[in-house]
Amino acid sequence: MSASPVTLFTGMRAYTLESARPVVEAMAVVGGRIVATGEWSALREAFPTHHRIDLGGRTVLPGLTDSHVHFLSYGLSLRRIDLAETRSLRDAVERVRQAAVSAPEGSWVLGRGWDKNLWPEGRWPTRDDLDPISGAHLVALTSKDGHLLWVNSAVLREAGIDPATPDPKGGEIVRDASGRPTGVLKEEAKAAVHAVMARPDLRGMRLAVAEATAAAHRMGLVGIHDMEGPDAFAVFQTLHLEGALRVRVWMTIPAAHLDRAAAVGLRTGLGDDWLRVGGVKIFADGTLGSQTASMLEPFREQSANVGIPIHTAEELYDLVGRVVQSGLWPVIHAIGDRANRGALDAFTLHRVAARQAGVRFRIEHVQLLHPSDLPRLAALGVIASMQPIHCTSDRDIADRYWGARSRTAYAWRSLLRMGTVLAFGSDAPVETLDPWQGLYAAVTRRRPDDPRDAWYPDQALTVEEAIRAYTVGAAVASGEEEVKGRLLPGHLADFIVLDRDVLHEPPEALLQTQVLATVIGGVPVFGRGPLVGLAS
């Protein structure tokens, strides 16, 4: 039996993210893993028979992982009406009208990305805005944050929603003064529409994942923590069985499927280096943009609104306990300060059992913390899975609805100083998939097109700290820090080649950075410019 071939990647300034040997100029890769790092001359002598790939003196980083993404939804969104850039309700309606004109009679017209906080009309959209332009089509439009659905009358009829329909637990059917549903559905109220909505077939979903994967490679992403459900999991499994899965996936399980997952013995970590079972995704509340985040005190200028808690405290304690008992990791979506406190309280109750079972705790988003709760994450070993782009996208509405409480919103520096592990992601398609925009937001806490000073700049990170959250932190968040996140012997040979040394340039350089090559398991999957042939 012949030995596995050795590939030597040379001509690089590779940042390993390991303090003992922070920079190397060459790596030896065998069977998809790094077996040695160091100087080119030493590795050439150690591995006289090899295939050499020279990177021309360029900067190399560990491949980036998006720790919170809806990957299938992102791929599908590339083919739906994009309402993210609409700056008025009128503009949004016109885009829907144009799409409806070319859609088959009576078909579904789907879109996403609308944000009424950006619209000058100063009101919520309604079905009355859609009915005159939608004809017999069924129109369903997801908000930017994914927690609201705006539909026309045809969809309400299809879903069986009328004035007599009660609000579901954890959701709200928005109604006018007469009790008539307006066409906006909040949180769990969306389920009635999703139950009747046309679903993409397997071929359409495969194409969506393929498009999303190609985009990820262009941006330097080698892995994802996917926050979706059975459809996405089925597609990933199909692709993996065919040897066609080209991004590493840590797949969460919706809380609604916990009992079935536990019954068949699924455990967090089950799988291989390409596809693993992740944690159980639990929603504690809604979002800031829809003003459904669960708050300790009301939203500003909304004295009766403290958001929508999805579970009572007792229900959340019980749910987390069942997850831990099953050997799965609880992954809790929490935006508001009450929701985050509730998650921390539930974790506190089950911390001993979790430690004994090797279970880790995660909170997704961690957008607003009460100051007294800041130290609790590190004390409980809770991983803060955060999306830095939310900070700069949401600063205006955070000021509007949270006011001075925003001092401890998106509190990366405070959490890191206290010893909390940060794992960064995008929440795409809610926000852009592009991690370089996320890195820029983490380091500057301002938007590139915004002339204002940074928003609470004392919470900003250095470039290296932000990169660590997309690499080392992401690996810890999936329990794979022994094989991912650094460029070390024994780790997977997942890395990216850049056109500049981002660790030694101003933050603005992050926005101009080009990924010249993406390598997964030692195999180039993308190349451009001078390295365009690398992935051939």
Protein backbone atom coordinates (compact mmCIF):
# COMPACT_ATOMS: atom_id res chain seq x y z
CA MET A 1 0.00 0.00 0.00
CA SER A 2 1.46 3.36 -1.02
CA ALA A 3 1.64 6.25 1.42
CA SER A 4 -0.83 9.11 1.06
CA PRO A 5 0.50 11.90 -1.15
CA VAL A 6 1.89 15.00 0.53
CA THR A 7 1.02 18.49 -0.62
CA LEU A 8 3.30 21.32 0.48
CA PHE A 9 1.72 24.77 0.47
CA THR A 10 4.58 27.26 0.41
CA GLY A 11 5.24 30.93 -0.22
CA MET A 12 2.84 32.17 2.45
CA ARG A 13 2.65 34.30 5.53
CA ALA A 14 0.21 32.12 7.40
CA TYR A 15 -1.27 33.27 10.69
CA THR A 16 -1.88 30.10 12.68
CA LEU A 17 -3.78 31.80 15.56
CA GLU A 18 -1.62 29.78 17.91
CA SER A 19 0.61 31.79 20.26
CA ALA A 20 3.46 29.25 20.35
CA ARG A 21 4.06 29.60 16.60
CA PRO A 22 1.96 32.50 15.30
CA VAL A 23 3.35 32.73 11.75
CA VAL A 24 4.61 30.02 9.37
CA GLU A 25 5.71 30.05 5.74
CA ALA A 26 4.78 26.50 4.73
CA MET A 27 2.32 23.71 5.54
CA ALA A 28 2.36 20.01 4.75
CA VAL A 29 -1.05 18.44 4.12
CA VAL A 30 -1.86 14.73 3.97
CA GLY A 31 -5.36 13.27 3.70
CA GLY A 32 -7.04 16.62 4.20
CA ARG A 33 -5.18 17.48 7.42
CA ILE A 34 -2.17 19.54 8.30
CA VAL A 35 0.69 17.27 9.34
CA ALA A 36 3.44 19.86 9.75
CA THR A 37 4.04 23.61 9.60
CA GLY A 38 7.21 25.66 9.55
CA GLU A 39 9.86 26.81 7.12
CA TRP A 40 9.80 25.72 3.49
CA SER A 41 13.33 24.33 3.62
CA ALA A 42 12.58 22.17 6.66
CA LEU A 43 9.36 20.75 5.22
CA ARG A 44 11.01 20.08 1.86
CA GLU A 45 13.63 18.01 3.66
CA ALA A 46 11.04 16.22 5.82
CA PHE A 47 8.84 15.38 2.82
CA PRO A 48 11.16 14.88 -0.16
CA THR A 49 8.33 13.40 -2.23
CA HIS A 50 5.57 15.96 -2.48
CA HIS A 51 3.36 18.09 -4.67
CA ARG A 52 4.10 21.77 -4.17
CA ILE A 53 1.62 24.66 -4.42
CA ASP A 54 3.33 28.05 -4.11
CA LEU A 55 1.12 30.94 -2.97
CA GLY A 56 3.45 33.72 -3.98
CA GLY A 57 4.16 35.24 -0.59
CA ARG A 58 0.53 35.98 0.21
CA THR A 59 -1.31 36.17 3.52
CA VAL A 60 -3.07 33.03 4.73
CA LEU A 61 -5.66 32.69 7.49
CA PRO A 62 -7.64 29.74 8.82
CA GLY A 63 -10.87 29.38 6.85
CA LEU A 64 -13.78 31.36 8.26
CA THR A 65 -16.92 29.77 9.70
CA ASP A 66 -20.32 31.46 9.83
CA SER A 67 -21.65 30.48 13.26
CA HIS A 68 -25.25 31.48 12.60
CA VAL A 69 -26.73 31.27 9.13
CA HIS A 70 -29.87 30.07 7.33
CA PHE A 71 -27.94 28.67 4.41
CA LEU A 72 -30.73 27.10 2.36
CA SER A 73 -32.89 30.17 2.92
CA TYR A 74 -30.01 32.34 1.76
CA GLY A 75 -29.69 30.32 -1.43
CA LEU A 76 -33.43 30.45 -2.02
CA SER A 77 -33.50 34.19 -1.32
CA LEU A 78 -31.24 34.75 -4.31
CA ARG A 79 -34.26 33.82 -6.45
CA ARG A 80 -36.95 35.74 -4.55
CA ILE A 81 -38.05 39.37 -4.53
CA ASP A 82 -35.36 41.32 -2.70
CA LEU A 83 -36.98 44.02 -0.57
CA ALA A 84 -33.89 44.79 1.52
CA GLU A 85 -33.06 47.97 -0.36
CA THR A 86 -36.59 49.39 -0.50
CA ARG A 87 -36.75 52.77 1.16
CA SER A 88 -40.53 53.17 1.20
CA LEU A 89 -43.66 51.08 1.43
CA ARG A 90 -44.63 52.34 -2.00
CA ASP A 91 -41.33 51.08 -3.44
CA ALA A 92 -41.85 47.64 -1.87
CA VAL A 93 -45.36 47.34 -3.29
CA GLU A 94 -44.13 48.29 -6.76
CA ARG A 95 -41.49 45.55 -6.68
CA VAL A 96 -44.14 43.02 -5.73
CA ARG A 97 -46.39 44.26 -8.55
CA GLN A 98 -43.61 43.78 -11.10
CA ALA A 99 -42.95 40.24 -9.89
CA ALA A 100 -46.65 39.32 -9.87
CA VAL A 101 -47.08 40.41 -13.48
CA SER A 102 -44.66 37.75 -14.72
CA ALA A 103 -45.68 34.99 -12.28
CA PRO A 104 -48.11 32.21 -13.33
CA GLU A 105 -51.74 32.94 -12.46
CA GLY A 106 -52.59 31.90 -8.91
CA SER A 107 -49.00 31.04 -7.96
CA TRP A 108 -47.10 32.06 -4.86
CA VAL A 109 -45.11 35.28 -5.04
CA LEU A 110 -42.44 35.22 -2.32
CA GLY A 111 -40.02 37.86 -1.12
CA ARG A 112 -38.06 38.93 1.90
CA GLY A 113 -36.03 41.72 3.45
CA TRP A 114 -38.59 44.50 4.10
CA ASP A 115 -37.98 46.75 7.09
CA LYS A 116 -40.73 49.18 8.00
CA ASN A 117 -38.29 51.04 10.25
CA LEU A 118 -36.66 52.43 7.08
CA TRP A 119 -39.91 53.57 5.48
CA PRO A 120 -41.12 57.19 5.69
CA GLU A 121 -44.78 56.18 5.77
CA GLY A 122 -44.41 55.54 9.48
CA ARG A 123 -46.83 52.62 9.64
CA TRP A 124 -46.99 48.87 9.30
CA PRO A 125 -47.77 47.44 5.84
CA THR A 126 -51.13 45.72 5.41
CA ARG A 127 -52.92 43.37 3.06
CA ASP A 128 -54.74 46.39 1.66
CA ASP A 129 -51.42 47.53 0.19
CA LEU A 130 -50.96 44.20 -1.60
CA ASP A 131 -54.49 43.24 -2.69
CA PRO A 132 -54.85 45.82 -5.50
CA ILE A 133 -51.63 44.73 -7.21
CA SER A 134 -51.53 40.97 -6.55
CA GLY A 135 -54.58 39.69 -8.39
CA ALA A 136 -55.11 35.98 -7.76
CA HIS A 137 -51.53 35.46 -6.60
CA LEU A 138 -50.66 34.39 -3.07
CA VAL A 139 -48.16 36.95 -1.77
CA ALA A 140 -46.01 36.26 1.30
CA LEU A 141 -43.18 38.60 2.20
CA THR A 142 -40.80 37.89 5.08
CA SER A 143 -39.38 40.83 7.02
CA LYS A 144 -35.66 41.51 7.19
CA ASP A 145 -35.36 39.86 10.60
CA GLY A 146 -37.43 36.85 9.54
CA HIS A 147 -39.86 37.21 12.44
CA LEU A 148 -42.73 38.89 10.56
CA LEU A 149 -44.75 37.87 7.54
CA TRP A 150 -46.70 40.35 5.40
CA VAL A 151 -49.35 38.65 3.28
CA ASN A 152 -52.30 39.50 1.08
CA SER A 153 -55.93 38.49 1.59
CA ALA A 154 -55.55 35.43 -0.63
CA VAL A 155 -52.93 34.01 1.72
CA LEU A 156 -55.03 34.72 4.82
CA ARG A 157 -57.90 32.78 3.22
CA GLU A 158 -55.57 29.93 2.22
CA ALA A 159 -54.23 29.72 5.79
CA GLY A 160 -57.68 29.95 7.36
CA ILE A 161 -56.96 33.17 9.22
CA ASP A 162 -59.99 35.38 9.84
CA PRO A 163 -61.27 37.70 12.60
CA ALA A 164 -62.28 34.70 14.72
CA THR A 165 -58.83 33.06 14.58
CA PRO A 166 -57.14 33.30 18.01
CA ASP A 167 -53.50 34.36 18.42
CA PRO A 168 -51.29 31.29 18.70
CA LYS A 169 -49.05 30.86 21.71
CA GLY A 170 -45.88 32.90 21.18
CA GLY A 171 -47.31 34.81 18.22
CA GLU A 172 -49.68 37.57 17.19
CA ILE A 173 -52.10 38.12 14.32
CA VAL A 174 -51.98 41.89 13.94
CA ARG A 175 -55.53 43.30 13.73
CA ASP A 176 -57.09 46.67 13.01
CA ALA A 177 -59.49 48.48 15.33
CA SER A 178 -62.40 46.32 14.17
CA GLY A 179 -60.52 43.05 14.82
CA ARG A 180 -59.83 42.33 11.15
CA PRO A 181 -56.40 40.75 10.47
CA THR A 182 -54.22 43.33 8.73
CA GLY A 183 -51.99 40.87 6.91
CA VAL A 184 -49.00 41.09 9.28
CA LEU A 185 -48.23 37.97 11.29
CA LYS A 186 -45.73 38.02 14.14
CA GLU A 187 -43.56 35.16 15.40
CA GLU A 188 -45.47 31.86 15.78
CA ALA A 189 -48.48 33.25 13.91
CA LYS A 190 -46.45 32.72 10.71
CA ALA A 191 -46.77 28.94 11.09
CA ALA A 192 -50.29 28.83 9.65
CA VAL A 193 -49.01 30.31 6.40
CA HIS A 194 -45.87 28.19 6.29
CA ALA A 195 -48.09 25.11 6.60
CA VAL A 196 -49.82 25.91 3.30
CA MET A 197 -47.01 27.64 1.46
CA ALA A 198 -45.61 26.03 -1.66
CA ARG A 199 -42.30 24.35 -0.84
CA PRO A 200 -39.35 24.13 -3.21
CA ASP A 201 -38.62 20.66 -4.55
CA LEU A 202 -35.36 18.81 -3.89
CA ARG A 203 -33.85 20.00 -7.16
CA GLY A 204 -34.62 23.63 -6.33
CA MET A 205 -33.15 23.25 -2.86
CA ARG A 206 -30.00 21.61 -4.21
CA LEU A 207 -29.51 24.47 -6.64
CA ALA A 208 -30.02 26.95 -3.80
CA VAL A 209 -27.38 25.25 -1.64
CA ALA A 210 -25.00 25.11 -4.61
CA GLU A 211 -25.38 28.85 -5.22
CA ALA A 212 -24.96 29.60 -1.52
CA THR A 213 -21.85 27.39 -1.36
CA ALA A 214 -20.24 29.13 -4.32
CA ALA A 215 -20.87 32.50 -2.68
CA ALA A 216 -19.43 31.23 0.60
CA HIS A 217 -16.23 30.08 -1.10
CA ARG A 218 -15.79 33.46 -2.79
CA MET A 219 -16.01 35.10 0.63
CA GLY A 220 -13.60 32.75 2.41
CA LEU A 221 -16.18 30.71 4.30
CA VAL A 222 -15.35 27.03 4.76
CA GLY A 223 -18.00 26.11 7.33
CA ILE A 224 -21.42 27.02 8.65
CA HIS A 225 -23.59 26.48 11.70
CA ASP A 226 -26.99 26.15 10.06
CA MET A 227 -30.09 27.27 11.99
CA GLU A 228 -32.79 25.72 9.80
CA GLY A 229 -34.86 22.56 9.85
CA PRO A 230 -35.51 19.20 8.19
CA ASP A 231 -35.51 20.46 4.59
CA ALA A 232 -32.00 21.88 4.88
CA PHE A 233 -30.75 18.84 6.81
CA ALA A 234 -32.13 16.51 4.12
CA VAL A 235 -30.40 18.45 1.35
CA PHE A 236 -27.08 18.48 3.21
CA GLN A 237 -27.34 14.73 3.82
CA THR A 238 -28.15 14.02 0.17
CA LEU A 239 -25.21 16.08 -1.02
CA HIS A 240 -22.91 14.48 1.53
CA LEU A 241 -23.88 10.94 0.50
CA GLU A 242 -23.05 11.89 -3.09
CA GLY A 243 -19.72 13.42 -2.10
CA ALA A 244 -20.99 16.78 -3.28
CA LEU A 245 -21.18 18.69 0.02
CA ARG A 246 -18.47 21.35 -0.24
CA VAL A 247 -18.94 23.32 2.94
CA ARG A 248 -18.63 21.96 6.48
CA VAL A 249 -21.99 21.96 8.28
CA TRP A 250 -22.95 21.90 11.96
CA MET A 251 -26.70 21.36 11.72
CA THR A 252 -29.05 22.50 14.47
CA ILE A 253 -32.37 20.81 15.20
CA PRO A 254 -35.54 22.88 15.79
CA ALA A 255 -36.93 22.48 19.30
CA ALA A 256 -40.18 21.17 17.82
CA HIS A 257 -38.27 18.05 16.70
CA LEU A 258 -36.45 17.43 19.99
CA ASP A 259 -38.47 14.38 21.03
CA ARG A 260 -38.00 12.65 17.67
CA ALA A 261 -34.30 13.46 17.61
CA ALA A 262 -33.81 12.13 21.13
CA ALA A 263 -35.87 9.01 20.41
CA VAL A 264 -33.56 7.94 17.58
CA GLY A 265 -30.46 8.72 19.60
CA LEU A 266 -29.16 11.83 17.83
CA ARG A 267 -26.47 13.56 19.86
CA THR A 268 -24.60 16.78 19.29
CA GLY A 269 -21.33 15.94 17.51
CA LEU A 270 -22.64 12.87 15.71
CA GLY A 271 -21.35 12.81 12.14
CA ASP A 272 -18.03 13.52 10.48
CA ASP A 273 -15.86 16.45 9.43
CA TRP A 274 -18.37 17.48 6.73
CA LEU A 275 -21.73 17.14 8.43
CA ARG A 276 -22.42 16.97 12.15
CA VAL A 277 -25.51 17.10 14.32
CA GLY A 278 -25.48 20.40 16.17
CA GLY A 279 -27.56 21.70 19.05
CA VAL A 280 -31.29 22.24 19.53
CA LYS A 281 -32.48 25.67 18.41
CA ILE A 282 -34.84 27.25 20.94
CA PHE A 283 -36.52 30.64 20.53
CA ALA A 284 -36.80 32.72 23.69
CA ASP A 285 -38.23 35.84 22.02
CA GLY A 286 -38.62 37.82 18.80
CA THR A 287 -36.49 40.68 17.46
CA LEU A 288 -35.65 44.32 17.90
CA GLY A 289 -36.78 45.34 14.43
CA SER A 290 -40.28 43.94 14.95
CA GLN A 291 -40.35 45.09 18.59
CA THR A 292 -41.07 41.54 19.72
CA ALA A 293 -37.84 41.07 21.69
CA SER A 294 -38.62 40.17 25.31
CA MET A 295 -37.70 43.13 27.50
CA LEU A 296 -37.28 43.82 31.21
CA GLU A 297 -38.69 47.30 30.60
CA PRO A 298 -40.95 48.45 27.73
CA PHE A 299 -39.68 49.67 24.41
CA ARG A 300 -39.31 53.43 24.35
CA GLU A 301 -42.54 55.24 23.43
CA GLN A 302 -44.40 51.90 23.64
CA SER A 303 -45.29 51.79 27.30
CA ALA A 304 -47.42 48.66 26.98
CA ASN A 305 -44.96 46.67 24.85
CA VAL A 306 -42.38 44.43 26.53
CA GLY A 307 -42.14 42.10 23.54
CA ILE A 308 -43.22 38.50 23.05
CA PRO A 309 -41.64 35.79 25.20
CA ILE A 310 -41.97 32.48 23.37
CA HIS A 311 -41.91 30.40 26.56
CA THR A 312 -42.66 30.95 30.22
CA ALA A 313 -39.68 30.64 32.56
CA GLU A 314 -40.89 27.21 33.66
CA GLU A 315 -41.31 26.02 30.08
CA LEU A 316 -37.82 27.18 29.18
CA TYR A 317 -36.30 25.46 32.23
CA ASP A 318 -38.05 22.23 31.27
CA LEU A 319 -37.07 22.46 27.60
CA VAL A 320 -33.40 23.10 28.35
CA GLY A 321 -33.42 20.22 30.82
CA ARG A 322 -34.82 17.83 28.22
CA VAL A 323 -32.21 18.95 25.69
CA VAL A 324 -29.36 18.40 28.15
CA GLN A 325 -30.73 15.04 29.23
CA SER A 326 -30.77 13.96 25.59
CA GLY A 327 -27.06 14.71 25.15
CA LEU A 328 -27.80 17.65 22.87
CA TRP A 329 -26.68 21.25 23.26
CA PRO A 330 -29.24 23.99 23.91
CA VAL A 331 -28.87 26.83 21.40
CA ILE A 332 -31.14 29.69 22.49
CA HIS A 333 -32.16 32.66 20.34
CA ALA A 334 -32.31 35.64 22.71
CA ILE A 335 -32.46 39.31 21.69
CA GLY A 336 -33.98 41.30 24.56
CA ASP A 337 -32.52 41.62 28.04
CA ARG A 338 -35.35 39.61 29.59
CA ALA A 339 -34.89 36.81 27.06
CA ASN A 340 -31.14 36.69 27.69
CA ARG A 341 -31.69 36.65 31.44
CA GLY A 342 -34.21 33.83 31.04
CA ALA A 343 -31.71 31.79 29.01
CA LEU A 344 -29.00 32.35 31.62
CA ASP A 345 -31.39 31.39 34.42
CA ALA A 346 -32.28 28.16 32.61
CA PHE A 347 -28.61 27.36 32.04
CA THR A 348 -27.86 28.01 35.71
CA LEU A 349 -30.44 25.45 36.75
CA HIS A 350 -28.93 22.77 34.50
CA ARG A 351 -25.23 23.63 34.64
CA VAL A 352 -24.19 20.60 36.74
CA ALA A 353 -26.05 18.12 34.51
CA ALA A 354 -24.62 19.81 31.42
CA ARG A 355 -21.08 19.62 32.72
CA GLN A 356 -21.48 15.92 33.49
CA ALA A 357 -22.89 15.25 30.01
CA GLY A 358 -20.26 17.31 28.18
CA VAL A 359 -22.95 19.69 26.97
CA ARG A 360 -22.11 23.28 26.06
CA PHE A 361 -24.47 26.24 26.25
CA ARG A 362 -24.95 28.77 23.45
CA ILE A 363 -26.98 31.94 23.17
CA GLU A 364 -27.63 33.16 19.64
CA HIS A 365 -27.52 36.95 19.08
CA VAL A 366 -27.07 38.10 22.72
CA GLN A 367 -28.06 41.54 21.49
CA LEU A 368 -29.03 43.26 24.74
CA LEU A 369 -27.84 42.31 28.21
CA HIS A 370 -28.68 43.91 31.51
CA PRO A 371 -25.36 45.09 33.02
CA SER A 372 -25.72 42.66 35.92
CA ASP A 373 -25.93 39.74 33.48
CA LEU A 374 -22.72 40.51 31.57
CA PRO A 375 -20.44 38.36 33.78
CA ARG A 376 -22.83 35.42 33.86
CA LEU A 377 -21.97 34.10 30.40
CA ALA A 378 -18.33 33.45 31.21
CA ALA A 379 -19.21 32.10 34.65
CA LEU A 380 -21.58 29.56 33.10
CA GLY A 381 -19.37 28.80 30.10
CA VAL A 382 -21.99 30.17 27.71
CA ILE A 383 -20.79 30.78 24.16
CA ALA A 384 -21.95 34.11 22.75
CA SER A 385 -22.89 33.40 19.13
CA MET A 386 -23.23 36.93 17.75
CA GLN A 387 -23.54 38.65 14.39
CA PRO A 388 -21.54 41.89 14.35
CA ILE A 389 -23.34 43.27 11.30
CA HIS A 390 -26.50 43.53 13.42
CA CYS A 391 -24.79 46.16 15.54
CA THR A 392 -24.21 48.60 12.72
CA SER A 393 -27.46 47.81 10.91
CA ASP A 394 -29.52 48.21 14.06
CA ARG A 395 -27.86 51.16 15.79
CA ASP A 396 -30.62 53.63 14.83
CA ILE A 397 -33.52 51.46 15.91
CA ALA A 398 -31.62 50.38 19.04
CA ASP A 399 -31.28 54.04 20.00
CA ARG A 400 -34.94 54.60 19.13
CA TYR A 401 -36.40 51.66 21.03
CA TRP A 402 -33.79 50.88 23.71
CA GLY A 403 -32.25 54.29 24.34
CA ALA A 404 -29.48 54.36 26.95
CA ARG A 405 -29.87 50.61 27.52
CA SER A 406 -27.91 50.21 24.27
CA ARG A 407 -24.69 50.78 26.20
CA THR A 408 -24.67 47.05 26.90
CA ALA A 409 -25.98 46.00 23.48
CA TYR A 410 -23.65 43.96 21.23
CA ALA A 411 -21.18 44.16 24.10
CA TRP A 412 -18.30 42.24 22.53
CA ARG A 413 -15.44 43.90 24.41
CA SER A 414 -17.10 43.52 27.80
CA LEU A 415 -17.91 39.88 27.17
CA LEU A 416 -14.43 39.09 25.85
CA ARG A 417 -12.77 40.84 28.78
CA MET A 418 -14.78 38.67 31.16
CA GLY A 419 -13.65 35.49 29.41
CA THR A 420 -16.67 34.74 27.21
CA VAL A 421 -16.05 32.83 23.99
CA LEU A 422 -17.33 34.82 21.01
CA ALA A 423 -18.45 33.02 17.84
CA PHE A 424 -19.37 35.30 14.95
CA GLY A 425 -21.75 34.79 12.04
CA SER A 426 -24.04 36.62 9.65
CA ASP A 427 -27.66 35.55 10.19
CA ALA A 428 -27.96 35.55 6.39
CA PRO A 429 -30.30 36.09 4.64
CA VAL A 430 -31.36 38.54 7.36
CA GLU A 431 -28.05 40.30 6.71
CA THR A 432 -25.29 39.88 4.15
CA LEU A 433 -23.38 36.59 4.11
CA ASP A 434 -20.14 38.54 3.61
CA PRO A 435 -17.90 37.99 6.68
CA TRP A 436 -15.65 40.90 5.70
CA GLN A 437 -18.49 43.31 6.31
CA GLY A 438 -19.05 41.57 9.63
CA LEU A 439 -15.39 41.94 10.53
CA TYR A 440 -15.51 45.63 9.64
CA ALA A 441 -18.57 46.11 11.86
CA ALA A 442 -16.87 44.32 14.77
CA VAL A 443 -13.76 46.47 14.53
CA THR A 444 -15.28 49.88 13.76
CA ARG A 445 -18.90 49.71 15.06
CA ARG A 446 -19.98 51.94 12.21
CA ARG A 447 -21.30 51.54 8.67
CA PRO A 448 -18.97 52.38 5.79
CA ASP A 449 -21.45 54.94 4.42
CA ASP A 450 -22.19 56.55 7.80
CA PRO A 451 -20.27 59.75 8.61
CA ARG A 452 -21.10 59.49 12.30
CA ASP A 453 -18.60 58.37 14.92
CA ALA A 454 -18.49 54.75 16.02
CA TRP A 455 -21.43 53.60 18.14
CA TYR A 456 -20.22 52.82 21.68
CA PRO A 457 -16.64 52.38 20.42
CA ASP A 458 -15.46 51.02 23.76
CA GLN A 459 -17.11 47.73 22.73
CA ALA A 460 -15.12 47.39 19.49
CA LEU A 461 -12.62 44.58 18.86
CA THR A 462 -9.23 44.41 17.20
CA VAL A 463 -9.00 42.78 13.77
CA GLU A 464 -7.33 39.70 15.24
CA GLU A 465 -9.98 39.34 17.96
CA ALA A 466 -12.73 39.55 15.36
CA ILE A 467 -11.03 36.99 13.12
CA ARG A 468 -10.67 34.66 16.09
CA ALA A 469 -14.44 34.83 16.60
CA TYR A 470 -14.93 33.59 13.02
CA THR A 471 -12.37 30.81 13.44
CA VAL A 472 -11.29 29.68 16.92
CA GLY A 473 -14.52 30.81 18.58
CA ALA A 474 -16.62 29.13 15.91
CA ALA A 475 -14.73 25.88 16.47
CA VAL A 476 -15.34 26.03 20.23
CA ALA A 477 -19.02 26.75 19.57
CA SER A 478 -19.33 23.44 17.71
CA GLY A 479 -17.02 21.44 19.99
CA GLU A 480 -14.40 21.05 17.26
CA GLU A 481 -11.55 23.20 18.54
CA GLU A 482 -9.16 20.24 18.35
CA VAL A 483 -9.49 20.06 14.56
CA LYS A 484 -10.75 23.45 13.38
CA GLY A 485 -10.07 27.16 13.73
CA ARG A 486 -6.24 27.15 13.72
CA LEU A 487 -3.49 26.13 11.33
CA LEU A 488 -1.83 23.41 13.39
CA PRO A 489 -0.69 19.83 12.85
CA GLY A 490 -3.70 17.56 13.31
CA HIS A 491 -6.16 20.24 12.21
CA LEU A 492 -8.17 20.18 9.03
CA ALA A 493 -6.39 21.90 6.16
CA ASP A 494 -9.03 24.62 5.78
CA PHE A 495 -7.57 28.01 4.94
CA ILE A 496 -7.93 31.10 2.78
CA VAL A 497 -5.43 33.15 0.78
CA LEU A 498 -5.85 36.94 0.80
CA ASP A 499 -4.63 39.78 -1.36
CA ARG A 500 -3.41 41.74 1.67
CA ASP A 501 -2.27 41.34 5.27
CA VAL A 502 -5.44 42.43 7.07
CA LEU A 503 -3.79 42.12 10.48
CA HIS A 504 -1.42 44.95 9.66
CA GLU A 505 -3.63 47.35 7.73
CA PRO A 506 -6.28 49.88 8.80
CA PRO A 507 -9.79 48.49 9.37
CA GLU A 508 -10.99 50.08 6.13
CA ALA A 509 -8.85 47.54 4.25
CA LEU A 510 -11.25 44.80 5.37
CA LEU A 511 -13.87 46.10 2.96
CA GLN A 512 -11.46 45.97 0.01
CA THR A 513 -10.01 42.56 0.88
CA GLN A 514 -10.26 39.92 -1.81
CA VAL A 515 -10.14 36.21 -1.12
CA LEU A 516 -7.77 34.86 -3.76
CA ALA A 517 -8.26 31.21 -2.85
CA THR A 518 -10.30 29.04 -0.51
CA VAL A 519 -8.93 25.62 0.44
CA ILE A 520 -10.97 22.97 2.27
CA GLY A 521 -9.32 19.75 3.39
CA GLY A 522 -6.25 20.66 1.39
CA VAL A 523 -8.29 20.90 -1.82
CA PRO A 524 -8.65 24.32 -3.46
CA VAL A 525 -12.37 24.98 -4.04
CA PHE A 526 -12.06 28.56 -5.26
CA GLY A 527 -9.40 30.69 -6.86
CA ARG A 528 -9.28 34.09 -8.53
CA GLY A 529 -6.83 36.56 -10.00
CA PRO A 530 -3.28 35.22 -9.81
CA LEU A 531 -4.60 32.02 -8.20
CA VAL A 532 -7.51 31.48 -10.58
CA GLY A 533 -6.24 28.08 -11.66
CA LEU A 534 -5.72 26.78 -8.14
CA ALA A 535 -9.21 25.28 -7.86
CA SER A 536 -9.20 23.68 -11.32
